[in-house]
Amino acid sequence: MTTLSKDDTTLIRLTLNGREVEGRASPRLLLSDFLRHELGATGTHVGCEHGVCGACTVRVDGVMARSCLMLAMQAEGAQVDTVEGLAPQPDRLSVLQAAFRRHHALQCGFCTAGILMSLDTLLRDEPDADRTRIEEVVGGHLCRCTGYAPIIDAALDAAAELRGGDHV
């Protein structure tokens, strides 16, 4: 097994929002910090640094992950999706992002990226997610500004649109 010192850096290659990227990371560098400081994906926010608040939520190989609990080296060769990759085009919001906008489901925006990543994953994996399921997922995030009701309404609206149904 290779032994690394805290001062060593290793080249990390991964796919970020569909693009092959690479950067250098020390053995202790967290994925959240690697994304923000090395790769420039600053939409991933760091709140509690304990995996509790959810602000740092990204998708790694299709699964929600708290990037503040994962080392950058663990993402070697992985597909990592961040909030920057949700919009289908630079000048167009995703269905979920547009629903957040319509329902005023963000205030300061600090937690929004992580919530969007979790809900996007939920709606991708469970297109028929109901209010209870959406509340469970949103319950894994701490937001001090919105009171959660607009977030849940936006997610229900986006789910209906994605299924081709009526909006909330």
N, C-alpha and C. Protein backbone atom coordinates (compact mmCIF):
# COMPACT_ATOMS: atom_id res chain seq x y z
N MET A 1 0.84 -1.18 0.00
CA MET A 1 0.00 0.00 0.00
C MET A 1 0.89 1.24 0.00
N THR A 2 0.50 2.21 -0.81
CA THR A 2 1.23 3.47 -0.89
C THR A 2 0.99 4.30 0.36
N THR A 3 2.07 4.86 0.90
CA THR A 3 1.95 5.74 2.06
C THR A 3 2.15 7.16 1.58
N LEU A 4 1.25 8.04 1.98
CA LEU A 4 1.34 9.44 1.60
C LEU A 4 1.54 10.30 2.83
N SER A 5 2.32 11.34 2.67
CA SER A 5 2.44 12.30 3.77
C SER A 5 1.39 13.38 3.56
N LYS A 6 1.14 14.16 4.59
CA LYS A 6 0.13 15.21 4.49
C LYS A 6 0.48 16.26 3.45
N ASP A 7 1.75 16.36 3.09
CA ASP A 7 2.18 17.36 2.12
C ASP A 7 2.16 16.87 0.68
N ASP A 8 2.00 15.56 0.49
CA ASP A 8 1.94 15.01 -0.86
C ASP A 8 0.61 15.37 -1.52
N THR A 9 0.64 15.49 -2.83
CA THR A 9 -0.61 15.65 -3.57
C THR A 9 -0.68 14.56 -4.63
N THR A 10 -1.89 14.21 -4.97
CA THR A 10 -2.13 13.17 -5.95
C THR A 10 -3.05 13.74 -7.03
N LEU A 11 -2.82 13.34 -8.25
CA LEU A 11 -3.68 13.75 -9.35
C LEU A 11 -4.99 12.98 -9.25
N ILE A 12 -6.09 13.70 -9.22
CA ILE A 12 -7.42 13.11 -9.16
C ILE A 12 -8.11 13.42 -10.48
N ARG A 13 -8.59 12.37 -11.13
CA ARG A 13 -9.35 12.53 -12.38
C ARG A 13 -10.78 12.05 -12.12
N LEU A 14 -11.72 12.85 -12.56
CA LEU A 14 -13.12 12.47 -12.41
C LEU A 14 -13.93 13.15 -13.49
N THR A 15 -15.18 12.77 -13.58
CA THR A 15 -16.10 13.41 -14.52
C THR A 15 -17.00 14.32 -13.69
N LEU A 16 -16.93 15.61 -13.94
CA LEU A 16 -17.70 16.60 -13.20
C LEU A 16 -18.76 17.18 -14.14
N ASN A 17 -20.01 16.89 -13.81
CA ASN A 17 -21.13 17.39 -14.62
C ASN A 17 -20.95 17.07 -16.10
N GLY A 18 -20.47 15.85 -16.36
CA GLY A 18 -20.33 15.38 -17.73
C GLY A 18 -19.02 15.72 -18.41
N ARG A 19 -18.14 16.47 -17.74
CA ARG A 19 -16.85 16.85 -18.32
C ARG A 19 -15.71 16.16 -17.58
N GLU A 20 -14.76 15.63 -18.32
CA GLU A 20 -13.56 15.05 -17.71
C GLU A 20 -12.71 16.18 -17.14
N VAL A 21 -12.37 16.08 -15.86
CA VAL A 21 -11.55 17.10 -15.21
C VAL A 21 -10.49 16.42 -14.36
N GLU A 22 -9.51 17.21 -13.96
CA GLU A 22 -8.49 16.69 -13.05
C GLU A 22 -7.96 17.82 -12.19
N GLY A 23 -7.44 17.44 -11.05
CA GLY A 23 -6.85 18.39 -10.13
C GLY A 23 -6.01 17.65 -9.11
N ARG A 24 -5.28 18.38 -8.33
CA ARG A 24 -4.40 17.78 -7.34
C ARG A 24 -5.02 17.91 -5.96
N ALA A 25 -4.83 16.86 -5.16
CA ALA A 25 -5.41 16.85 -3.81
C ALA A 25 -4.44 16.21 -2.84
N SER A 26 -4.36 16.80 -1.65
CA SER A 26 -3.60 16.17 -0.57
C SER A 26 -4.45 15.04 0.00
N PRO A 27 -3.85 14.12 0.74
CA PRO A 27 -4.60 12.96 1.24
C PRO A 27 -5.81 13.32 2.11
N ARG A 28 -5.76 14.44 2.80
CA ARG A 28 -6.84 14.81 3.72
C ARG A 28 -7.85 15.78 3.13
N LEU A 29 -7.69 16.17 1.87
CA LEU A 29 -8.58 17.16 1.27
C LEU A 29 -9.97 16.56 1.06
N LEU A 30 -10.97 17.24 1.56
CA LEU A 30 -12.35 16.79 1.40
C LEU A 30 -12.83 17.05 -0.02
N LEU A 31 -13.76 16.22 -0.47
CA LEU A 31 -14.32 16.40 -1.80
C LEU A 31 -14.94 17.78 -1.95
N SER A 32 -15.63 18.27 -0.93
CA SER A 32 -16.25 19.60 -1.00
C SER A 32 -15.20 20.67 -1.28
N ASP A 33 -14.09 20.61 -0.62
CA ASP A 33 -13.03 21.61 -0.82
C ASP A 33 -12.35 21.43 -2.17
N PHE A 34 -12.18 20.20 -2.59
CA PHE A 34 -11.60 19.92 -3.91
C PHE A 34 -12.49 20.50 -5.01
N LEU A 35 -13.79 20.26 -4.90
CA LEU A 35 -14.73 20.78 -5.90
C LEU A 35 -14.68 22.30 -5.95
N ARG A 36 -14.71 22.93 -4.79
CA ARG A 36 -14.76 24.39 -4.72
C ARG A 36 -13.44 25.05 -5.10
N HIS A 37 -12.36 24.60 -4.47
CA HIS A 37 -11.10 25.33 -4.58
C HIS A 37 -10.20 24.85 -5.71
N GLU A 38 -10.28 23.59 -6.05
CA GLU A 38 -9.42 23.06 -7.10
C GLU A 38 -10.14 23.07 -8.46
N LEU A 39 -11.44 22.74 -8.46
CA LEU A 39 -12.16 22.61 -9.72
C LEU A 39 -13.10 23.78 -10.01
N GLY A 40 -13.31 24.68 -9.04
CA GLY A 40 -14.12 25.86 -9.27
C GLY A 40 -15.62 25.64 -9.24
N ALA A 41 -16.07 24.50 -8.73
CA ALA A 41 -17.51 24.22 -8.61
C ALA A 41 -18.01 24.80 -7.29
N THR A 42 -18.16 26.11 -7.26
CA THR A 42 -18.44 26.81 -6.00
C THR A 42 -19.91 26.76 -5.59
N GLY A 43 -20.76 26.14 -6.39
CA GLY A 43 -22.15 25.96 -5.99
C GLY A 43 -22.30 25.00 -4.83
N THR A 44 -21.33 24.13 -4.65
CA THR A 44 -21.33 23.20 -3.52
C THR A 44 -20.88 23.98 -2.30
N HIS A 45 -21.79 24.12 -1.34
CA HIS A 45 -21.49 24.90 -0.14
C HIS A 45 -21.09 24.00 1.02
N VAL A 46 -20.31 24.54 1.92
CA VAL A 46 -19.89 23.83 3.11
C VAL A 46 -20.49 24.54 4.31
N GLY A 47 -21.33 23.83 5.04
CA GLY A 47 -22.00 24.43 6.19
C GLY A 47 -21.42 23.89 7.48
N CYS A 48 -21.90 22.75 7.90
CA CYS A 48 -21.54 22.23 9.22
C CYS A 48 -20.24 21.43 9.24
N GLU A 49 -19.82 20.92 8.10
CA GLU A 49 -18.65 20.05 7.97
C GLU A 49 -18.76 18.77 8.79
N HIS A 50 -19.99 18.36 9.08
CA HIS A 50 -20.24 17.11 9.81
C HIS A 50 -21.26 16.25 9.08
N GLY A 51 -21.72 16.64 7.90
CA GLY A 51 -22.69 15.88 7.14
C GLY A 51 -24.12 16.03 7.61
N VAL A 52 -24.37 16.98 8.50
CA VAL A 52 -25.70 17.14 9.08
C VAL A 52 -26.57 18.11 8.27
N CYS A 53 -26.02 19.22 7.82
CA CYS A 53 -26.84 20.27 7.23
C CYS A 53 -27.25 19.99 5.79
N GLY A 54 -26.46 19.25 5.05
CA GLY A 54 -26.81 18.89 3.68
C GLY A 54 -26.41 19.90 2.62
N ALA A 55 -25.84 21.03 3.00
CA ALA A 55 -25.48 22.05 2.02
C ALA A 55 -24.47 21.55 0.99
N CYS A 56 -23.68 20.57 1.37
CA CYS A 56 -22.61 20.07 0.49
C CYS A 56 -23.03 18.87 -0.35
N THR A 57 -24.32 18.57 -0.39
CA THR A 57 -24.79 17.38 -1.10
C THR A 57 -24.50 17.47 -2.59
N VAL A 58 -23.88 16.41 -3.10
CA VAL A 58 -23.61 16.24 -4.52
C VAL A 58 -24.06 14.81 -4.88
N ARG A 59 -23.92 14.46 -6.13
CA ARG A 59 -24.21 13.10 -6.55
C ARG A 59 -22.89 12.47 -7.00
N VAL A 60 -22.57 11.31 -6.45
CA VAL A 60 -21.36 10.58 -6.84
C VAL A 60 -21.80 9.24 -7.41
N ASP A 61 -21.49 9.04 -8.67
CA ASP A 61 -21.92 7.82 -9.38
C ASP A 61 -23.41 7.58 -9.20
N GLY A 62 -24.18 8.67 -9.28
CA GLY A 62 -25.63 8.59 -9.26
C GLY A 62 -26.27 8.55 -7.90
N VAL A 63 -25.47 8.58 -6.83
CA VAL A 63 -25.99 8.47 -5.47
C VAL A 63 -25.70 9.76 -4.70
N MET A 64 -26.69 10.23 -3.93
CA MET A 64 -26.46 11.42 -3.11
C MET A 64 -25.33 11.17 -2.13
N ALA A 65 -24.48 12.18 -1.96
CA ALA A 65 -23.35 12.06 -1.03
C ALA A 65 -23.08 13.41 -0.39
N ARG A 66 -22.70 13.38 0.85
CA ARG A 66 -22.27 14.60 1.55
C ARG A 66 -20.79 14.77 1.24
N SER A 67 -20.47 15.77 0.45
CA SER A 67 -19.09 15.93 0.00
C SER A 67 -18.15 16.37 1.11
N CYS A 68 -18.69 16.82 2.24
CA CYS A 68 -17.83 17.19 3.37
C CYS A 68 -17.42 15.96 4.18
N LEU A 69 -17.99 14.81 3.87
CA LEU A 69 -17.64 13.57 4.57
C LEU A 69 -16.84 12.62 3.70
N MET A 70 -16.48 13.07 2.53
CA MET A 70 -15.80 12.22 1.56
C MET A 70 -14.47 12.86 1.18
N LEU A 71 -13.44 12.07 1.12
CA LEU A 71 -12.15 12.58 0.68
C LEU A 71 -12.14 12.72 -0.84
N ALA A 72 -11.43 13.71 -1.34
CA ALA A 72 -11.32 13.91 -2.78
C ALA A 72 -10.80 12.65 -3.47
N MET A 73 -9.84 11.98 -2.83
CA MET A 73 -9.25 10.78 -3.42
C MET A 73 -10.27 9.67 -3.64
N GLN A 74 -11.33 9.66 -2.85
CA GLN A 74 -12.37 8.65 -3.01
C GLN A 74 -13.19 8.86 -4.28
N ALA A 75 -13.09 10.04 -4.86
CA ALA A 75 -13.84 10.35 -6.07
C ALA A 75 -13.05 10.04 -7.34
N GLU A 76 -11.85 9.54 -7.21
CA GLU A 76 -11.03 9.19 -8.38
C GLU A 76 -11.84 8.30 -9.32
N GLY A 77 -11.95 8.74 -10.57
CA GLY A 77 -12.64 7.97 -11.59
C GLY A 77 -14.16 8.02 -11.52
N ALA A 78 -14.71 8.75 -10.58
CA ALA A 78 -16.16 8.78 -10.37
C ALA A 78 -16.83 9.83 -11.26
N GLN A 79 -18.13 9.68 -11.40
CA GLN A 79 -18.98 10.70 -12.02
C GLN A 79 -19.53 11.54 -10.87
N VAL A 80 -19.20 12.81 -10.82
CA VAL A 80 -19.67 13.70 -9.77
C VAL A 80 -20.56 14.77 -10.41
N ASP A 81 -21.76 14.91 -9.86
CA ASP A 81 -22.68 15.93 -10.34
C ASP A 81 -22.91 16.94 -9.23
N THR A 82 -22.85 18.21 -9.60
CA THR A 82 -23.09 19.31 -8.66
C THR A 82 -24.22 20.17 -9.20
N VAL A 83 -24.64 21.12 -8.42
CA VAL A 83 -25.75 21.99 -8.82
C VAL A 83 -25.46 22.71 -10.14
N GLU A 84 -24.21 22.97 -10.44
CA GLU A 84 -23.87 23.63 -11.70
C GLU A 84 -24.29 22.80 -12.91
N GLY A 85 -24.45 21.49 -12.73
CA GLY A 85 -24.81 20.62 -13.84
C GLY A 85 -26.30 20.36 -13.99
N LEU A 86 -27.13 20.94 -13.14
CA LEU A 86 -28.57 20.67 -13.22
C LEU A 86 -29.24 21.34 -14.41
N ALA A 87 -28.85 22.54 -14.74
CA ALA A 87 -29.49 23.26 -15.84
C ALA A 87 -29.15 22.58 -17.17
N PRO A 88 -30.15 22.39 -18.03
CA PRO A 88 -29.89 21.74 -19.31
C PRO A 88 -29.03 22.57 -20.25
N GLN A 89 -29.08 23.89 -20.09
CA GLN A 89 -28.27 24.81 -20.89
C GLN A 89 -27.90 25.98 -19.99
N PRO A 90 -26.82 26.68 -20.32
CA PRO A 90 -26.40 27.80 -19.47
C PRO A 90 -27.48 28.86 -19.26
N ASP A 91 -28.36 29.04 -20.23
CA ASP A 91 -29.37 30.10 -20.13
C ASP A 91 -30.77 29.56 -19.81
N ARG A 92 -30.83 28.30 -19.33
CA ARG A 92 -32.13 27.69 -19.05
C ARG A 92 -32.08 26.90 -17.75
N LEU A 93 -33.09 27.06 -16.89
CA LEU A 93 -33.16 26.33 -15.64
C LEU A 93 -33.73 24.93 -15.86
N SER A 94 -33.39 24.02 -14.98
CA SER A 94 -34.02 22.70 -15.00
C SER A 94 -35.47 22.85 -14.53
N VAL A 95 -36.26 21.83 -14.71
CA VAL A 95 -37.65 21.85 -14.26
C VAL A 95 -37.71 22.13 -12.76
N LEU A 96 -36.86 21.46 -11.99
CA LEU A 96 -36.84 21.66 -10.54
C LEU A 96 -36.39 23.07 -10.16
N GLN A 97 -35.35 23.57 -10.79
CA GLN A 97 -34.88 24.92 -10.51
C GLN A 97 -35.96 25.95 -10.83
N ALA A 98 -36.65 25.77 -11.95
CA ALA A 98 -37.72 26.70 -12.33
C ALA A 98 -38.85 26.65 -11.32
N ALA A 99 -39.16 25.47 -10.81
CA ALA A 99 -40.21 25.34 -9.79
C ALA A 99 -39.78 26.05 -8.50
N PHE A 100 -38.52 25.94 -8.13
CA PHE A 100 -38.01 26.67 -6.95
C PHE A 100 -38.21 28.17 -7.15
N ARG A 101 -37.94 28.62 -8.35
CA ARG A 101 -38.08 30.05 -8.64
C ARG A 101 -39.55 30.47 -8.53
N ARG A 102 -40.45 29.69 -9.14
CA ARG A 102 -41.88 30.02 -9.11
C ARG A 102 -42.45 30.04 -7.69
N HIS A 103 -41.97 29.14 -6.86
CA HIS A 103 -42.52 28.99 -5.51
C HIS A 103 -41.72 29.77 -4.46
N HIS A 104 -40.74 30.54 -4.90
CA HIS A 104 -39.90 31.30 -3.97
C HIS A 104 -39.33 30.36 -2.90
N ALA A 105 -38.78 29.25 -3.36
CA ALA A 105 -38.30 28.18 -2.47
C ALA A 105 -36.86 28.38 -2.03
N LEU A 106 -36.38 29.59 -2.11
CA LEU A 106 -35.05 29.88 -1.61
C LEU A 106 -35.05 31.29 -1.06
N GLN A 107 -34.24 31.51 -0.10
CA GLN A 107 -34.10 32.84 0.47
C GLN A 107 -32.64 33.25 0.31
N CYS A 108 -31.81 32.92 1.28
CA CYS A 108 -30.40 33.31 1.15
C CYS A 108 -29.69 32.43 0.13
N GLY A 109 -30.20 31.22 -0.10
CA GLY A 109 -29.64 30.34 -1.12
C GLY A 109 -28.51 29.45 -0.66
N PHE A 110 -28.06 29.58 0.57
CA PHE A 110 -26.90 28.81 1.01
C PHE A 110 -27.17 27.31 0.96
N CYS A 111 -28.33 26.89 1.43
CA CYS A 111 -28.65 25.46 1.48
C CYS A 111 -29.23 24.95 0.17
N THR A 112 -29.62 25.85 -0.72
CA THR A 112 -30.39 25.49 -1.90
C THR A 112 -29.70 24.48 -2.80
N ALA A 113 -28.42 24.61 -3.02
CA ALA A 113 -27.72 23.70 -3.92
C ALA A 113 -27.84 22.25 -3.45
N GLY A 114 -27.62 22.03 -2.17
CA GLY A 114 -27.72 20.68 -1.64
C GLY A 114 -29.13 20.13 -1.71
N ILE A 115 -30.11 20.97 -1.41
CA ILE A 115 -31.50 20.55 -1.48
C ILE A 115 -31.87 20.21 -2.93
N LEU A 116 -31.46 21.05 -3.86
CA LEU A 116 -31.73 20.77 -5.27
C LEU A 116 -31.12 19.44 -5.70
N MET A 117 -29.90 19.17 -5.27
CA MET A 117 -29.25 17.91 -5.65
C MET A 117 -30.01 16.71 -5.09
N SER A 118 -30.44 16.81 -3.84
CA SER A 118 -31.18 15.70 -3.23
C SER A 118 -32.53 15.50 -3.92
N LEU A 119 -33.24 16.59 -4.16
CA LEU A 119 -34.56 16.47 -4.79
C LEU A 119 -34.45 16.04 -6.25
N ASP A 120 -33.44 16.52 -6.96
CA ASP A 120 -33.23 16.10 -8.34
C ASP A 120 -32.99 14.59 -8.40
N THR A 121 -32.19 14.09 -7.47
CA THR A 121 -31.92 12.66 -7.41
C THR A 121 -33.20 11.89 -7.09
N LEU A 122 -33.96 12.39 -6.11
CA LEU A 122 -35.22 11.74 -5.75
C LEU A 122 -36.16 11.68 -6.94
N LEU A 123 -36.37 12.80 -7.62
CA LEU A 123 -37.32 12.82 -8.73
C LEU A 123 -36.83 12.00 -9.91
N ARG A 124 -35.54 11.85 -10.07
CA ARG A 124 -35.00 10.98 -11.11
C ARG A 124 -35.26 9.51 -10.76
N ASP A 125 -35.01 9.17 -9.49
CA ASP A 125 -35.14 7.77 -9.07
C ASP A 125 -36.57 7.36 -8.72
N GLU A 126 -37.35 8.32 -8.24
CA GLU A 126 -38.73 8.04 -7.82
C GLU A 126 -39.66 9.11 -8.40
N PRO A 127 -39.97 9.02 -9.69
CA PRO A 127 -40.78 10.07 -10.31
C PRO A 127 -42.17 10.22 -9.70
N ASP A 128 -42.66 9.21 -9.02
CA ASP A 128 -43.98 9.29 -8.38
C ASP A 128 -43.87 9.65 -6.90
N ALA A 129 -42.76 10.22 -6.48
CA ALA A 129 -42.58 10.60 -5.08
C ALA A 129 -43.73 11.49 -4.63
N ASP A 130 -44.28 11.18 -3.47
CA ASP A 130 -45.39 11.96 -2.94
C ASP A 130 -44.87 12.93 -1.87
N ARG A 131 -45.79 13.68 -1.30
CA ARG A 131 -45.43 14.69 -0.29
C ARG A 131 -44.63 14.07 0.85
N THR A 132 -45.05 12.92 1.34
CA THR A 132 -44.37 12.29 2.47
C THR A 132 -42.93 11.96 2.11
N ARG A 133 -42.72 11.40 0.93
CA ARG A 133 -41.35 11.03 0.50
C ARG A 133 -40.50 12.28 0.30
N ILE A 134 -41.08 13.30 -0.29
CA ILE A 134 -40.34 14.55 -0.48
C ILE A 134 -39.97 15.16 0.86
N GLU A 135 -40.89 15.14 1.81
CA GLU A 135 -40.60 15.66 3.15
C GLU A 135 -39.47 14.89 3.82
N GLU A 136 -39.42 13.57 3.60
CA GLU A 136 -38.33 12.77 4.17
C GLU A 136 -36.99 13.23 3.62
N VAL A 137 -36.92 13.44 2.34
CA VAL A 137 -35.66 13.86 1.71
C VAL A 137 -35.28 15.27 2.15
N VAL A 138 -36.23 16.17 2.13
CA VAL A 138 -35.95 17.55 2.55
C VAL A 138 -35.58 17.58 4.03
N GLY A 139 -36.10 16.66 4.81
CA GLY A 139 -35.79 16.59 6.23
C GLY A 139 -34.32 16.32 6.52
N GLY A 140 -33.59 15.90 5.52
CA GLY A 140 -32.14 15.69 5.66
C GLY A 140 -31.33 16.95 5.43
N HIS A 141 -32.01 18.09 5.34
CA HIS A 141 -31.34 19.37 5.10
C HIS A 141 -31.79 20.38 6.13
N LEU A 142 -30.87 21.25 6.50
CA LEU A 142 -31.19 22.33 7.41
C LEU A 142 -31.27 23.63 6.62
N CYS A 143 -32.41 24.29 6.74
CA CYS A 143 -32.62 25.59 6.10
C CYS A 143 -33.19 26.52 7.15
N ARG A 144 -32.57 27.64 7.33
CA ARG A 144 -33.01 28.58 8.37
C ARG A 144 -33.88 29.70 7.81
N CYS A 145 -34.10 29.72 6.49
CA CYS A 145 -34.77 30.87 5.89
C CYS A 145 -36.18 30.60 5.38
N THR A 146 -36.44 29.43 4.79
CA THR A 146 -37.69 29.27 4.03
C THR A 146 -38.83 28.65 4.80
N GLY A 147 -38.58 27.91 5.84
CA GLY A 147 -39.66 27.22 6.53
C GLY A 147 -40.08 25.94 5.83
N TYR A 148 -39.41 25.54 4.78
CA TYR A 148 -39.58 24.29 4.06
C TYR A 148 -40.84 24.18 3.21
N ALA A 149 -41.94 24.84 3.55
CA ALA A 149 -43.18 24.69 2.78
C ALA A 149 -42.99 25.04 1.30
N PRO A 150 -42.35 26.17 0.96
CA PRO A 150 -42.17 26.47 -0.46
C PRO A 150 -41.28 25.44 -1.18
N ILE A 151 -40.31 24.89 -0.46
CA ILE A 151 -39.43 23.87 -1.05
C ILE A 151 -40.24 22.64 -1.41
N ILE A 152 -41.08 22.20 -0.50
CA ILE A 152 -41.90 21.01 -0.73
C ILE A 152 -42.90 21.27 -1.86
N ASP A 153 -43.52 22.45 -1.86
CA ASP A 153 -44.45 22.80 -2.94
C ASP A 153 -43.74 22.81 -4.29
N ALA A 154 -42.54 23.36 -4.32
CA ALA A 154 -41.77 23.39 -5.58
C ALA A 154 -41.44 21.99 -6.05
N ALA A 155 -41.05 21.12 -5.14
CA ALA A 155 -40.72 19.74 -5.51
C ALA A 155 -41.95 19.01 -6.03
N LEU A 156 -43.09 19.20 -5.39
CA LEU A 156 -44.34 18.58 -5.86
C LEU A 156 -44.71 19.10 -7.25
N ASP A 157 -44.53 20.39 -7.46
CA ASP A 157 -44.82 21.01 -8.76
C ASP A 157 -43.89 20.43 -9.83
N ALA A 158 -42.61 20.35 -9.52
CA ALA A 158 -41.65 19.80 -10.48
C ALA A 158 -41.95 18.34 -10.78
N ALA A 159 -42.30 17.58 -9.76
CA ALA A 159 -42.63 16.16 -9.96
C ALA A 159 -43.82 16.03 -10.90
N ALA A 160 -44.85 16.86 -10.69
CA ALA A 160 -46.03 16.82 -11.57
C ALA A 160 -45.65 17.17 -13.00
N GLU A 161 -44.82 18.19 -13.17
CA GLU A 161 -44.40 18.59 -14.51
C GLU A 161 -43.59 17.49 -15.18
N LEU A 162 -42.68 16.88 -14.44
CA LEU A 162 -41.85 15.82 -15.00
C LEU A 162 -42.68 14.60 -15.39
N ARG A 163 -43.77 14.37 -14.68
CA ARG A 163 -44.68 13.27 -15.02
C ARG A 163 -45.66 13.65 -16.11
N GLY A 164 -45.68 14.94 -16.48
CA GLY A 164 -46.59 15.41 -17.50
C GLY A 164 -47.97 15.76 -16.96
N GLY A 165 -48.06 15.96 -15.65
CA GLY A 165 -49.34 16.27 -15.03
C GLY A 165 -49.51 17.76 -14.81
N ASP A 166 -50.55 18.07 -14.05
CA ASP A 166 -50.85 19.47 -13.73
C ASP A 166 -49.89 19.98 -12.67
N HIS A 167 -49.60 21.25 -12.75
CA HIS A 167 -48.74 21.90 -11.75
C HIS A 167 -49.53 22.17 -10.49
N VAL A 168 -48.80 22.26 -9.39
CA VAL A 168 -49.42 22.58 -8.10
C VAL A 168 -49.78 24.05 -8.10
